[in-house]
N, C-alpha and C. Protein backbone atom coordinates (compact mmCIF):
# COMPACT_ATOMS: atom_id res chain seq x y z
N UNK A 1 7.01 119.56 28.33
CA UNK A 1 7.22 118.50 29.71
C UNK A 1 6.76 119.54 30.70
N UNK A 2 6.04 119.26 31.87
CA UNK A 2 5.66 119.53 33.27
C UNK A 2 7.05 119.58 34.06
N UNK A 3 7.36 120.55 34.37
CA UNK A 3 8.09 120.18 36.19
C UNK A 3 7.88 120.58 37.01
N UNK A 4 7.80 119.46 38.03
CA UNK A 4 7.01 119.57 39.53
C UNK A 4 7.90 120.82 40.29
N UNK A 5 6.81 121.35 40.75
CA UNK A 5 7.26 122.67 41.91
C UNK A 5 7.39 122.16 43.14
N UNK A 6 8.18 121.33 43.32
CA UNK A 6 8.12 121.04 45.08
C UNK A 6 9.69 120.90 45.67
N UNK A 7 9.37 121.46 46.57
CA UNK A 7 10.72 121.47 46.89
C UNK A 7 11.05 121.08 48.16
N UNK A 8 12.11 120.65 48.52
CA UNK A 8 12.43 120.16 49.99
C UNK A 8 12.66 121.12 50.69
N UNK A 9 12.37 120.88 52.12
CA UNK A 9 12.72 121.80 53.15
C UNK A 9 13.94 122.68 53.16
N UNK A 10 15.13 122.15 52.41
CA UNK A 10 16.59 122.32 52.33
C UNK A 10 16.59 123.27 51.43
N UNK A 11 15.95 123.27 50.60
CA UNK A 11 15.96 123.77 48.98
C UNK A 11 14.96 125.02 49.60
N UNK A 12 13.92 124.89 49.90
CA UNK A 12 12.82 126.09 50.14
C UNK A 12 14.09 127.20 51.12
N UNK A 13 14.49 126.44 52.39
CA UNK A 13 14.92 127.25 53.20
C UNK A 13 16.30 128.19 52.60
N UNK A 14 17.09 127.10 51.35
CA UNK A 14 18.24 128.13 50.58
C UNK A 14 17.29 129.35 49.62
N UNK A 15 16.26 129.12 49.36
CA UNK A 15 16.15 129.47 48.29
C UNK A 15 15.55 130.95 49.07
N UNK A 16 14.84 131.22 49.84
CA UNK A 16 14.61 131.96 50.96
C UNK A 16 15.59 132.92 51.39
N UNK A 17 16.50 131.85 51.83
CA UNK A 17 17.38 133.20 52.42
C UNK A 17 18.47 133.67 51.14
N UNK A 18 18.08 133.27 50.11
CA UNK A 18 18.76 134.16 48.83
C UNK A 18 18.27 135.43 48.73
N UNK A 19 19.20 136.14 48.22
CA UNK A 19 18.70 137.84 47.67
C UNK A 19 17.74 137.58 46.24
N UNK A 20 16.98 138.12 46.42
CA UNK A 20 15.78 138.10 45.11
C UNK A 20 15.70 139.86 45.01
N UNK A 21 15.60 139.66 43.63
CA UNK A 21 15.17 141.71 43.27
C UNK A 21 13.63 141.14 42.21
N UNK A 22 12.61 142.26 42.30
CA UNK A 22 11.99 142.19 41.47
C UNK A 22 11.18 143.52 40.94
N UNK A 23 10.67 143.52 39.70
CA UNK A 23 10.68 145.24 39.18
C UNK A 23 8.99 145.09 38.57
N UNK A 24 8.57 145.99 39.21
CA UNK A 24 7.17 145.88 38.27
C UNK A 24 6.84 147.25 37.76
N UNK A 25 6.08 147.52 36.64
CA UNK A 25 5.70 148.63 36.05
C UNK A 25 4.27 148.58 35.24
N UNK A 26 3.79 149.99 36.04
CA UNK A 26 2.47 149.77 36.08
C UNK A 26 1.65 150.89 34.81
N UNK A 27 1.44 150.88 33.85
CA UNK A 27 1.53 152.22 32.77
C UNK A 27 0.41 152.83 33.14
N UNK A 28 0.43 154.21 32.99
CA UNK A 28 -1.15 155.02 33.09
C UNK A 28 -1.34 155.93 31.92
N UNK A 29 -2.17 155.90 31.85
CA UNK A 29 -2.75 156.51 30.45
C UNK A 29 -2.22 158.42 30.83
N UNK A 30 -1.78 158.68 29.39
CA UNK A 30 -1.60 160.02 29.57
C UNK A 30 0.38 160.41 30.36
N UNK A 31 0.92 159.75 30.86
CA UNK A 31 1.70 159.47 31.79
C UNK A 31 3.08 158.28 31.25
N UNK A 32 4.00 158.56 31.51
CA UNK A 32 5.11 157.37 31.43
C UNK A 32 4.65 155.95 32.81
N UNK A 33 5.01 154.87 32.76
CA UNK A 33 5.07 153.66 33.35
C UNK A 33 5.30 154.09 34.57
N UNK A 34 4.71 153.68 35.79
CA UNK A 34 5.41 153.79 37.01
C UNK A 34 6.47 152.37 37.56
N UNK A 35 7.34 152.59 37.47
CA UNK A 35 8.27 151.54 37.74
C UNK A 35 8.88 151.84 39.32
N UNK A 36 8.76 150.37 40.02
CA UNK A 36 9.32 150.51 41.15
C UNK A 36 10.16 148.94 41.40
């Protein structure tokens, strides 16, 4: 079942005002991954 990805203006503003954390890890040959 597909969920529509539509937010009201109030939902969008509340989402953007919240704190979010992201992590990206990029593997490099011969080294450990670079993670930030």
